[in-house]
Structures are given as structure tokens and as C-alpha cells.
Amino acid sequence: MKIIKLLAPLLISGLFAMPSHATQIEDSLSWADLDNGSAAIKYSSDYEDETKYFEAEITHSTSGEQRLYFRDHSSLGDYICSYENSIPESTAMTFNNQAVKMLRWCIKYTDSQSYYLSYTPDTDRGHTYVVNLFKTALLPIKIQYNNETLRFPVTGFTKAWNSGGGNAI
């Protein structure tokens, strides 16, 4: 009887334990590696077979502002959206434990019937935070997104940002 009383809390806590999923980075291409204003990681999760790609790119918005965009090139785009949208949805990503409001668009690949998701910070404050984080970080940035924890490269970001052309005049 004493053994049951001692084991009961352990057994009950086992019922409430959350499963742990690991994200495995398979390849990482830094801003310096690509030299085109972008960086990317290739990763997989222990709970599914798909290899996923997560990319960041410095480009200009439709209003001509230099911005940082993130793109999810996994099948998640096909699950979340099935048509391009011109009005973004709101969501959040966490960068080094700081939540940032993000705008999300569904975009169709030009050469297939599949879609990908594109993100950029929703507010000027959020965009400034993310850009400054990439400029000052010495180690890869921890991005929590879609139940994954990604370590995103920062090497060469400042040079890429400064070479991005700035805001359009």
C-alpha cells in the first residue's frame, strides 16, 4: 500500500506530461553564404518526415520600405491557405523569447499549384526590434514558430542590411 501511495503522484504526473518534439537543423546558409540579401535553414522534426525550409530575405515592401521578410517553404502553406491573399492575417512569432506581432500572407509559387507563407513584423517597433536583434546577435537567433524552435543564422546580416538599398525615395 505504501508503494502505491508513493508511486501515485509519479503515475498521475506521467498522464499530464506533454510529448517533447525536437527540431533538427539539417543545413544552415547564412547571410554571408548566400550574398543575395537572404539566409535560410533546412530542418526536420522528429514527428514528421517532411524536410522544411525557412528563409529570411531583405527586400522592399510595395510602399518601397526596406523590410525583413520570413518565408515558410514547407507544406504548412498548403494546409493553412489555398489561395493568395492581398490582405494579411495577424499572427505572432517569438524571437529570442520576445513575441512579435507578424503579418502573414499566403502566396502561390509561380511554377506549381502549391503555396508558401510570407511574414513580416506588423509594427515599426516590432520590425526595428527584429532588425536590431539580427544586427547585434553573436549567436543564431532562436525563432519559435509553428511549434518549432529554429536557430537562425546572423552572420553577415548587417552587411546584407546595409547593402539592401534603404527605403525607396
Protein backbone atom coordinates (compact mmCIF):
# COMPACT_ATOMS: atom_id res chain seq x y z
CA MET A 1 0.00 0.00 0.00
CA LYS A 2 2.86 2.38 0.80
CA ILE A 3 4.37 1.76 -2.64
CA ILE A 4 1.11 2.71 -4.33
CA LYS A 5 0.92 5.93 -2.29
CA LEU A 6 4.49 6.76 -3.27
CA LEU A 7 4.02 5.92 -6.94
CA ALA A 8 0.61 7.58 -7.35
CA PRO A 9 1.97 11.15 -7.80
CA LEU A 10 4.52 9.86 -10.31
CA LEU A 11 1.88 7.98 -12.29
CA ILE A 12 -0.51 10.94 -12.27
CA SER A 13 2.21 13.35 -13.41
CA GLY A 14 3.01 10.94 -16.25
CA LEU A 15 -0.54 11.30 -17.50
CA PHE A 16 -0.13 15.08 -17.82
CA ALA A 17 3.34 15.13 -19.32
CA MET A 18 3.49 16.79 -22.71
CA PRO A 19 5.30 14.97 -25.50
CA SER A 20 8.57 16.54 -26.50
CA HIS A 21 9.35 17.20 -30.15
CA ALA A 22 12.78 18.06 -31.40
CA THR A 23 13.68 20.24 -34.35
CA GLN A 24 16.81 19.16 -36.16
CA ILE A 25 18.62 21.77 -38.26
CA GLU A 26 19.98 19.90 -41.28
CA ASP A 27 21.63 22.80 -43.10
CA SER A 28 22.12 26.49 -42.49
CA LEU A 29 23.01 29.14 -45.07
CA SER A 30 23.96 32.47 -43.52
CA TRP A 31 23.58 35.93 -45.00
CA ALA A 32 27.30 35.80 -45.85
CA ASP A 33 26.95 32.39 -47.55
CA LEU A 34 24.18 33.46 -49.93
CA ASP A 35 25.35 37.04 -50.57
CA ASN A 36 21.96 37.98 -52.04
CA GLY A 37 20.18 39.55 -49.08
CA SER A 38 18.84 36.28 -47.74
CA ALA A 39 19.59 33.41 -45.39
CA ALA A 40 17.88 30.06 -44.92
CA ILE A 41 17.74 26.90 -42.87
CA LYS A 42 16.69 23.39 -43.81
CA TYR A 43 15.21 21.46 -40.90
CA SER A 44 13.12 18.49 -39.91
CA SER A 45 11.08 17.44 -36.91
CA ASP A 46 11.02 14.10 -35.17
CA TYR A 47 7.22 13.93 -35.53
CA GLU A 48 7.02 14.06 -39.34
CA ASP A 49 9.09 13.06 -42.36
CA GLU A 50 8.95 16.31 -44.33
CA THR A 51 12.08 18.40 -44.78
CA LYS A 52 11.20 22.05 -44.26
CA TYR A 53 12.79 25.32 -45.39
CA PHE A 54 12.60 28.61 -43.54
CA GLU A 55 14.06 31.66 -45.25
CA ALA A 56 14.60 35.33 -44.42
CA GLU A 57 15.09 37.97 -47.08
CA ILE A 58 15.81 41.69 -47.11
CA THR A 59 13.67 43.29 -49.79
CA HIS A 60 11.31 46.19 -50.32
CA SER A 61 7.64 46.38 -49.48
CA THR A 62 5.09 47.57 -52.03
CA SER A 63 5.41 51.03 -50.44
CA GLY A 64 9.19 50.99 -51.02
CA GLU A 65 10.29 50.44 -47.43
CA GLN A 66 13.29 48.16 -46.84
CA ARG A 67 11.95 45.26 -44.79
CA LEU A 68 12.82 41.86 -43.47
CA TYR A 69 10.52 39.06 -44.63
CA PHE A 70 10.40 35.45 -43.46
CA ARG A 71 9.12 32.64 -45.66
CA ASP A 72 7.98 29.16 -44.71
CA HIS A 73 8.56 26.79 -47.63
CA SER A 74 7.01 23.69 -46.07
CA SER A 75 3.67 22.08 -46.80
CA LEU A 76 2.23 24.21 -43.99
CA GLY A 77 1.28 26.79 -46.63
CA ASP A 78 -0.95 24.25 -48.35
CA TYR A 79 -2.60 23.35 -45.03
CA ILE A 80 -3.28 26.92 -43.96
CA CYS A 81 -4.18 28.50 -47.27
CA SER A 82 -5.34 27.54 -50.72
CA TYR A 83 -5.46 30.94 -52.41
CA GLU A 84 -3.34 34.07 -52.42
CA ASN A 85 -4.48 36.82 -50.14
CA SER A 86 -3.80 40.53 -50.53
CA ILE A 87 -4.94 41.37 -47.00
CA PRO A 88 -2.57 39.79 -44.46
CA GLU A 89 -3.64 37.92 -41.36
CA SER A 90 -2.17 38.65 -37.95
CA THR A 91 -0.11 36.10 -36.02
CA ALA A 92 2.93 36.07 -33.74
CA MET A 93 6.47 34.69 -33.73
CA THR A 94 8.93 34.70 -30.88
CA PHE A 95 12.47 35.99 -31.44
CA ASN A 96 14.86 35.22 -28.56
CA ASN A 97 11.87 34.92 -26.20
CA GLN A 98 10.25 38.19 -27.31
CA ALA A 99 6.87 37.82 -29.00
CA VAL A 100 6.47 39.94 -32.14
CA LYS A 101 3.19 40.58 -33.95
CA MET A 102 3.56 39.46 -37.55
CA LEU A 103 1.60 39.91 -40.75
CA ARG A 104 1.12 36.70 -42.76
CA TRP A 105 0.35 36.34 -46.45
CA CYS A 106 -0.40 33.23 -48.44
CA ILE A 107 1.50 33.30 -51.74
CA LYS A 108 1.30 30.85 -54.64
CA TYR A 109 4.50 29.61 -56.23
CA THR A 110 4.70 30.70 -59.86
CA ASP A 111 5.71 27.24 -61.07
CA SER A 112 3.33 24.96 -59.15
CA GLN A 113 -0.06 24.67 -57.51
CA SER A 114 1.46 24.93 -54.02
CA TYR A 115 1.61 27.85 -51.61
CA TYR A 116 4.05 29.27 -49.09
CA LEU A 117 3.62 31.65 -46.17
CA SER A 118 5.35 35.03 -46.01
CA TYR A 119 5.73 37.01 -42.77
CA THR A 120 6.98 40.44 -41.74
CA PRO A 121 6.65 42.28 -38.41
CA ASP A 122 3.33 44.13 -38.15
CA THR A 123 4.56 47.25 -36.34
CA ASP A 124 7.51 49.59 -36.81
CA ARG A 125 8.55 48.80 -33.23
CA GLY A 126 8.49 45.05 -33.93
CA HIS A 127 10.40 45.47 -37.20
CA THR A 128 13.04 47.65 -35.51
CA TYR A 129 13.39 45.08 -32.71
CA VAL A 130 13.90 42.16 -35.11
CA VAL A 131 16.35 44.04 -37.35
CA ASN A 132 18.39 45.26 -34.36
CA LEU A 133 18.38 41.73 -32.92
CA PHE A 134 19.83 40.38 -36.16
CA LYS A 135 22.41 43.21 -36.24
CA THR A 136 23.65 42.72 -32.68
CA ALA A 137 23.36 38.96 -32.11
CA LEU A 138 26.57 36.98 -31.98
CA LEU A 139 24.86 33.59 -31.98
CA PRO A 140 21.98 32.28 -34.11
CA ILE A 141 18.62 33.77 -33.12
CA LYS A 142 16.07 31.46 -31.55
CA ILE A 143 12.83 31.76 -33.51
CA GLN A 144 9.80 29.95 -32.13
CA TYR A 145 7.31 29.37 -34.86
CA ASN A 146 4.66 26.76 -35.60
CA ASN A 147 5.60 24.64 -32.58
CA GLU A 148 9.22 24.58 -33.74
CA THR A 149 12.31 26.17 -32.25
CA LEU A 150 14.62 27.28 -35.03
CA ARG A 151 18.15 28.63 -34.66
CA PHE A 152 18.52 31.16 -37.47
CA PRO A 153 21.97 32.38 -38.64
CA VAL A 154 23.04 36.01 -38.18
CA THR A 155 26.49 36.00 -39.80
CA GLY A 156 26.63 38.67 -42.49
CA PHE A 157 23.24 40.20 -41.69
CA THR A 158 24.47 43.76 -41.03
CA LYS A 159 26.39 43.86 -44.31
CA ALA A 160 23.34 42.50 -46.16
CA TRP A 161 21.04 45.02 -44.46
CA ASN A 162 23.35 47.95 -45.22
CA SER A 163 23.62 46.78 -48.85
CA GLY A 164 19.82 46.48 -49.23
CA GLY A 165 19.42 49.93 -50.73
CA GLY A 166 17.44 51.52 -47.88
CA ASN A 167 13.96 52.91 -48.31
CA ALA A 168 12.98 53.92 -51.83
CA ILE A 169 12.93 57.66 -52.48
